[in-house]
Amino acid sequence: MPRNIIDLTRGEKNLHCKFIAVEKLDSSPTHDGRQVTLWLVADKTAAIQLCLYDEVGNAVTAGDILRLTGGHCTLHKTSLSLFVGPDGKLEKIGEFTMVFTEKPNLSVRSEK
């Protein structure tokens, strides 16, 4: 069953969530030559940063409604973030028609 973003906590694994891609926050190379792209994603309860690697990060566009299966929640630098797990999957299931809120943003410490 899909989890609401507001209920996610650090260290959780095998998460299933549905959310909308709100804004591309950053994209930068890692020390081992991979590309990490950070997206702000949200559902009706909250927002959180989603970390995507390589071409997956570039395939997402603002307004995409996404389903994450097999994800995990941990820190990226100092921000609580969602990741696609090693056996996880991120798929586009629609676009633009989803109610969401950007507050609270779980990736910003002062708001949690």
N, C-alpha and C. Protein backbone atom coordinates (compact mmCIF):
# COMPACT_ATOMS: atom_id res chain seq x y z
N MET A 1 0.84 -1.18 0.00
CA MET A 1 0.00 0.00 0.00
C MET A 1 0.89 1.25 0.00
N PRO A 2 0.56 2.25 -0.82
CA PRO A 2 1.38 3.47 -0.88
C PRO A 2 1.41 4.21 0.45
N ARG A 3 2.58 4.74 0.77
CA ARG A 3 2.77 5.52 1.99
C ARG A 3 2.64 7.00 1.66
N ASN A 4 2.15 7.78 2.62
CA ASN A 4 2.14 9.23 2.50
C ASN A 4 3.53 9.75 2.85
N ILE A 5 3.96 10.80 2.17
CA ILE A 5 5.27 11.37 2.42
C ILE A 5 5.41 11.82 3.87
N ILE A 6 4.39 12.39 4.44
CA ILE A 6 4.46 12.90 5.81
C ILE A 6 4.85 11.81 6.82
N ASP A 7 4.58 10.55 6.51
CA ASP A 7 4.83 9.44 7.43
C ASP A 7 6.22 8.80 7.25
N LEU A 8 7.01 9.27 6.30
CA LEU A 8 8.32 8.67 6.04
C LEU A 8 9.33 9.07 7.11
N THR A 9 10.19 8.13 7.47
CA THR A 9 11.25 8.40 8.43
C THR A 9 12.57 7.81 7.94
N ARG A 10 13.65 8.35 8.46
CA ARG A 10 14.99 7.90 8.09
C ARG A 10 15.17 6.41 8.39
N GLY A 11 15.76 5.71 7.45
CA GLY A 11 16.06 4.29 7.64
C GLY A 11 15.01 3.34 7.11
N GLU A 12 13.88 3.84 6.66
CA GLU A 12 12.84 2.94 6.14
C GLU A 12 13.24 2.39 4.78
N LYS A 13 12.87 1.13 4.54
CA LYS A 13 13.20 0.46 3.28
C LYS A 13 11.94 -0.15 2.68
N ASN A 14 12.06 -0.53 1.42
CA ASN A 14 10.97 -1.16 0.68
C ASN A 14 9.70 -0.31 0.69
N LEU A 15 9.88 0.99 0.45
CA LEU A 15 8.77 1.93 0.46
C LEU A 15 8.04 1.95 -0.87
N HIS A 16 6.75 2.17 -0.79
CA HIS A 16 5.91 2.35 -1.97
C HIS A 16 5.19 3.69 -1.81
N CYS A 17 5.42 4.60 -2.75
CA CYS A 17 4.86 5.95 -2.67
C CYS A 17 4.39 6.40 -4.05
N LYS A 18 3.43 7.33 -4.03
CA LYS A 18 2.96 7.97 -5.25
C LYS A 18 3.08 9.47 -5.02
N PHE A 19 3.68 10.19 -5.99
CA PHE A 19 3.89 11.63 -5.81
C PHE A 19 4.05 12.31 -7.16
N ILE A 20 4.07 13.64 -7.12
CA ILE A 20 4.27 14.44 -8.32
C ILE A 20 5.64 15.11 -8.25
N ALA A 21 6.33 15.16 -9.38
CA ALA A 21 7.60 15.87 -9.47
C ALA A 21 7.29 17.36 -9.57
N VAL A 22 7.71 18.12 -8.57
CA VAL A 22 7.38 19.53 -8.50
C VAL A 22 8.45 20.39 -9.17
N GLU A 23 9.72 20.13 -8.82
CA GLU A 23 10.80 21.00 -9.30
C GLU A 23 12.14 20.26 -9.28
N LYS A 24 12.90 20.45 -10.34
CA LYS A 24 14.27 19.93 -10.37
C LYS A 24 15.13 20.87 -9.54
N LEU A 25 15.75 20.33 -8.49
CA LEU A 25 16.51 21.16 -7.55
C LEU A 25 17.97 21.31 -7.93
N ASP A 26 18.59 20.24 -8.40
CA ASP A 26 20.03 20.28 -8.67
C ASP A 26 20.42 19.05 -9.47
N SER A 27 21.54 19.15 -10.16
CA SER A 27 22.11 18.02 -10.85
C SER A 27 23.62 18.21 -10.85
N SER A 28 24.34 17.20 -10.37
CA SER A 28 25.80 17.34 -10.27
C SER A 28 26.46 15.97 -10.38
N PRO A 29 27.74 15.98 -10.79
CA PRO A 29 28.47 14.71 -10.90
C PRO A 29 28.93 14.23 -9.52
N THR A 30 29.03 12.92 -9.37
CA THR A 30 29.59 12.34 -8.16
C THR A 30 31.08 12.11 -8.38
N HIS A 31 31.78 11.77 -7.32
CA HIS A 31 33.22 11.54 -7.44
C HIS A 31 33.56 10.33 -8.31
N ASP A 32 32.60 9.41 -8.49
CA ASP A 32 32.86 8.22 -9.32
C ASP A 32 32.30 8.34 -10.74
N GLY A 33 31.95 9.58 -11.14
CA GLY A 33 31.54 9.82 -12.52
C GLY A 33 30.06 9.66 -12.81
N ARG A 34 29.27 9.35 -11.82
CA ARG A 34 27.82 9.25 -12.03
C ARG A 34 27.20 10.64 -11.90
N GLN A 35 25.97 10.78 -12.33
CA GLN A 35 25.24 12.04 -12.22
C GLN A 35 24.12 11.84 -11.21
N VAL A 36 24.01 12.73 -10.22
CA VAL A 36 22.91 12.67 -9.27
C VAL A 36 22.02 13.89 -9.50
N THR A 37 20.73 13.63 -9.63
CA THR A 37 19.75 14.69 -9.85
C THR A 37 18.78 14.69 -8.69
N LEU A 38 18.56 15.86 -8.12
CA LEU A 38 17.66 16.02 -6.98
C LEU A 38 16.36 16.67 -7.44
N TRP A 39 15.27 16.05 -7.09
CA TRP A 39 13.93 16.56 -7.41
C TRP A 39 13.15 16.82 -6.13
N LEU A 40 12.36 17.87 -6.11
CA LEU A 40 11.38 18.06 -5.06
C LEU A 40 10.12 17.35 -5.53
N VAL A 41 9.66 16.38 -4.73
CA VAL A 41 8.43 15.66 -5.03
C VAL A 41 7.45 15.85 -3.88
N ALA A 42 6.17 15.71 -4.17
CA ALA A 42 5.16 15.98 -3.14
C ALA A 42 3.91 15.15 -3.37
N ASP A 43 3.20 14.91 -2.27
CA ASP A 43 1.86 14.34 -2.35
C ASP A 43 0.93 15.27 -1.57
N LYS A 44 -0.25 14.81 -1.20
CA LYS A 44 -1.20 15.68 -0.52
C LYS A 44 -0.80 15.99 0.92
N THR A 45 0.24 15.30 1.44
CA THR A 45 0.59 15.47 2.86
C THR A 45 1.86 16.26 3.10
N ALA A 46 2.82 16.20 2.16
CA ALA A 46 4.13 16.84 2.39
C ALA A 46 4.98 16.74 1.13
N ALA A 47 6.18 17.29 1.23
CA ALA A 47 7.16 17.22 0.14
C ALA A 47 8.47 16.64 0.69
N ILE A 48 9.28 16.11 -0.21
CA ILE A 48 10.58 15.54 0.15
C ILE A 48 11.48 15.56 -1.09
N GLN A 49 12.76 15.52 -0.86
CA GLN A 49 13.74 15.46 -1.93
C GLN A 49 13.86 14.01 -2.42
N LEU A 50 13.89 13.83 -3.75
CA LEU A 50 14.09 12.53 -4.38
C LEU A 50 15.42 12.55 -5.10
N CYS A 51 16.30 11.61 -4.79
CA CYS A 51 17.62 11.51 -5.43
C CYS A 51 17.58 10.43 -6.52
N LEU A 52 17.93 10.84 -7.72
CA LEU A 52 17.93 9.92 -8.85
C LEU A 52 19.30 9.94 -9.51
N TYR A 53 19.74 8.80 -9.97
CA TYR A 53 21.06 8.68 -10.57
C TYR A 53 21.00 8.51 -12.08
N ASP A 54 21.97 9.11 -12.73
CA ASP A 54 22.24 8.96 -14.16
C ASP A 54 21.02 9.35 -15.00
N GLU A 55 20.70 8.56 -16.02
CA GLU A 55 19.67 8.96 -16.98
C GLU A 55 18.27 9.03 -16.38
N VAL A 56 18.01 8.32 -15.30
CA VAL A 56 16.68 8.36 -14.67
C VAL A 56 16.35 9.78 -14.22
N GLY A 57 17.33 10.48 -13.65
CA GLY A 57 17.11 11.85 -13.19
C GLY A 57 16.75 12.80 -14.31
N ASN A 58 17.29 12.56 -15.49
CA ASN A 58 17.01 13.42 -16.65
C ASN A 58 15.71 13.04 -17.35
N ALA A 59 15.20 11.85 -17.11
CA ALA A 59 13.97 11.40 -17.75
C ALA A 59 12.73 12.00 -17.09
N VAL A 60 12.85 12.42 -15.85
CA VAL A 60 11.73 13.00 -15.11
C VAL A 60 11.56 14.46 -15.53
N THR A 61 10.30 14.92 -15.62
CA THR A 61 10.02 16.33 -15.87
C THR A 61 9.00 16.82 -14.85
N ALA A 62 9.02 18.11 -14.59
CA ALA A 62 8.07 18.70 -13.64
C ALA A 62 6.65 18.40 -14.11
N GLY A 63 5.82 17.97 -13.18
CA GLY A 63 4.44 17.60 -13.49
C GLY A 63 4.22 16.12 -13.67
N ASP A 64 5.30 15.34 -13.76
CA ASP A 64 5.15 13.89 -13.87
C ASP A 64 4.60 13.33 -12.56
N ILE A 65 3.61 12.47 -12.66
CA ILE A 65 3.12 11.73 -11.50
C ILE A 65 3.84 10.38 -11.53
N LEU A 66 4.51 10.08 -10.41
CA LEU A 66 5.40 8.93 -10.35
C LEU A 66 5.00 7.96 -9.25
N ARG A 67 5.25 6.68 -9.51
CA ARG A 67 5.05 5.64 -8.50
C ARG A 67 6.42 5.03 -8.20
N LEU A 68 6.80 5.05 -6.93
CA LEU A 68 8.04 4.46 -6.46
C LEU A 68 7.71 3.16 -5.74
N THR A 69 8.35 2.08 -6.15
CA THR A 69 8.22 0.82 -5.43
C THR A 69 9.63 0.36 -5.06
N GLY A 70 9.77 -0.15 -3.86
CA GLY A 70 11.06 -0.62 -3.40
C GLY A 70 12.06 0.49 -3.10
N GLY A 71 11.56 1.63 -2.69
CA GLY A 71 12.44 2.75 -2.37
C GLY A 71 12.91 2.71 -0.93
N HIS A 72 13.81 3.65 -0.60
CA HIS A 72 14.23 3.79 0.79
C HIS A 72 14.42 5.26 1.12
N CYS A 73 14.37 5.55 2.41
CA CYS A 73 14.43 6.92 2.91
C CYS A 73 15.65 7.04 3.83
N THR A 74 16.54 7.94 3.50
CA THR A 74 17.75 8.15 4.29
C THR A 74 18.24 9.57 4.07
N LEU A 75 19.40 9.89 4.63
CA LEU A 75 19.95 11.22 4.46
C LEU A 75 20.79 11.31 3.20
N HIS A 76 20.64 12.40 2.46
CA HIS A 76 21.54 12.78 1.37
C HIS A 76 22.17 14.08 1.83
N LYS A 77 23.46 14.01 2.14
CA LYS A 77 24.16 15.11 2.82
C LYS A 77 23.45 15.31 4.15
N THR A 78 22.71 16.37 4.37
CA THR A 78 22.01 16.54 5.64
C THR A 78 20.50 16.56 5.47
N SER A 79 20.01 16.19 4.30
CA SER A 79 18.58 16.27 4.02
C SER A 79 17.94 14.89 3.93
N LEU A 80 16.79 14.73 4.58
CA LEU A 80 16.02 13.50 4.45
C LEU A 80 15.60 13.36 2.99
N SER A 81 15.86 12.21 2.41
CA SER A 81 15.62 12.03 0.97
C SER A 81 15.09 10.64 0.65
N LEU A 82 14.37 10.56 -0.44
CA LEU A 82 13.92 9.29 -0.99
C LEU A 82 14.90 8.84 -2.07
N PHE A 83 15.13 7.54 -2.15
CA PHE A 83 15.97 6.94 -3.17
C PHE A 83 15.24 5.74 -3.76
N VAL A 84 15.54 5.42 -5.01
CA VAL A 84 15.07 4.17 -5.60
C VAL A 84 16.04 3.10 -5.11
N GLY A 85 15.54 2.07 -4.47
CA GLY A 85 16.39 1.02 -3.94
C GLY A 85 17.02 0.19 -5.05
N PRO A 86 17.98 -0.68 -4.69
CA PRO A 86 18.66 -1.50 -5.70
C PRO A 86 17.70 -2.38 -6.50
N ASP A 87 16.64 -2.82 -5.89
CA ASP A 87 15.63 -3.61 -6.58
C ASP A 87 14.36 -2.80 -6.82
N GLY A 88 14.46 -1.48 -6.65
CA GLY A 88 13.30 -0.61 -6.76
C GLY A 88 12.98 -0.21 -8.18
N LYS A 89 11.87 0.49 -8.31
CA LYS A 89 11.38 0.88 -9.63
C LYS A 89 10.68 2.23 -9.50
N LEU A 90 10.93 3.12 -10.45
CA LEU A 90 10.25 4.40 -10.53
C LEU A 90 9.57 4.45 -11.88
N GLU A 91 8.24 4.65 -11.88
CA GLU A 91 7.54 4.68 -13.15
C GLU A 91 6.59 5.87 -13.22
N LYS A 92 6.49 6.44 -14.40
CA LYS A 92 5.56 7.53 -14.65
C LYS A 92 4.18 6.94 -14.86
N ILE A 93 3.20 7.46 -14.10
CA ILE A 93 1.85 6.92 -14.22
C ILE A 93 0.84 7.99 -14.64
N GLY A 94 1.32 9.21 -14.86
CA GLY A 94 0.43 10.29 -15.30
C GLY A 94 1.18 11.60 -15.30
N GLU A 95 0.41 12.68 -15.49
CA GLU A 95 1.03 13.99 -15.41
C GLU A 95 0.00 15.06 -15.06
N PHE A 96 0.46 16.01 -14.26
CA PHE A 96 -0.21 17.26 -13.93
C PHE A 96 -1.46 17.19 -13.04
N THR A 97 -2.17 16.10 -12.95
CA THR A 97 -3.44 16.10 -12.24
C THR A 97 -3.34 15.38 -10.90
N MET A 98 -2.72 16.06 -9.95
CA MET A 98 -2.57 15.48 -8.61
C MET A 98 -2.54 16.61 -7.59
N VAL A 99 -3.34 16.47 -6.56
CA VAL A 99 -3.32 17.45 -5.47
C VAL A 99 -2.06 17.22 -4.65
N PHE A 100 -1.34 18.31 -4.32
CA PHE A 100 -0.12 18.17 -3.53
C PHE A 100 0.12 19.44 -2.72
N THR A 101 1.01 19.31 -1.74
CA THR A 101 1.44 20.45 -0.95
C THR A 101 2.96 20.41 -0.84
N GLU A 102 3.57 21.59 -0.81
CA GLU A 102 5.03 21.66 -0.66
C GLU A 102 5.43 21.88 0.80
N LYS A 103 4.45 22.00 1.69
CA LYS A 103 4.71 22.21 3.12
C LYS A 103 3.97 21.15 3.91
N PRO A 104 4.60 20.52 4.87
CA PRO A 104 6.01 20.68 5.22
C PRO A 104 6.91 19.98 4.22
N ASN A 105 8.13 20.48 4.11
CA ASN A 105 9.15 19.84 3.29
C ASN A 105 10.05 19.04 4.25
N LEU A 106 9.95 17.72 4.21
CA LEU A 106 10.69 16.87 5.14
C LEU A 106 12.19 16.92 4.95
N SER A 107 12.64 17.45 3.81
CA SER A 107 14.08 17.56 3.55
C SER A 107 14.69 18.80 4.19
N VAL A 108 13.85 19.68 4.72
CA VAL A 108 14.31 20.89 5.39
C VAL A 108 14.08 20.68 6.88
N ARG A 109 15.16 20.59 7.63
CA ARG A 109 15.08 20.23 9.06
C ARG A 109 14.14 21.10 9.88
N SER A 110 14.15 22.39 9.68
CA SER A 110 13.37 23.29 10.52
C SER A 110 11.88 23.10 10.39
N GLU A 111 11.42 22.41 9.34
CA GLU A 111 9.99 22.23 9.13
C GLU A 111 9.47 20.94 9.71
N LYS A 112 10.30 20.04 10.17
CA LYS A 112 9.83 18.74 10.70
C LYS A 112 9.85 18.75 12.20
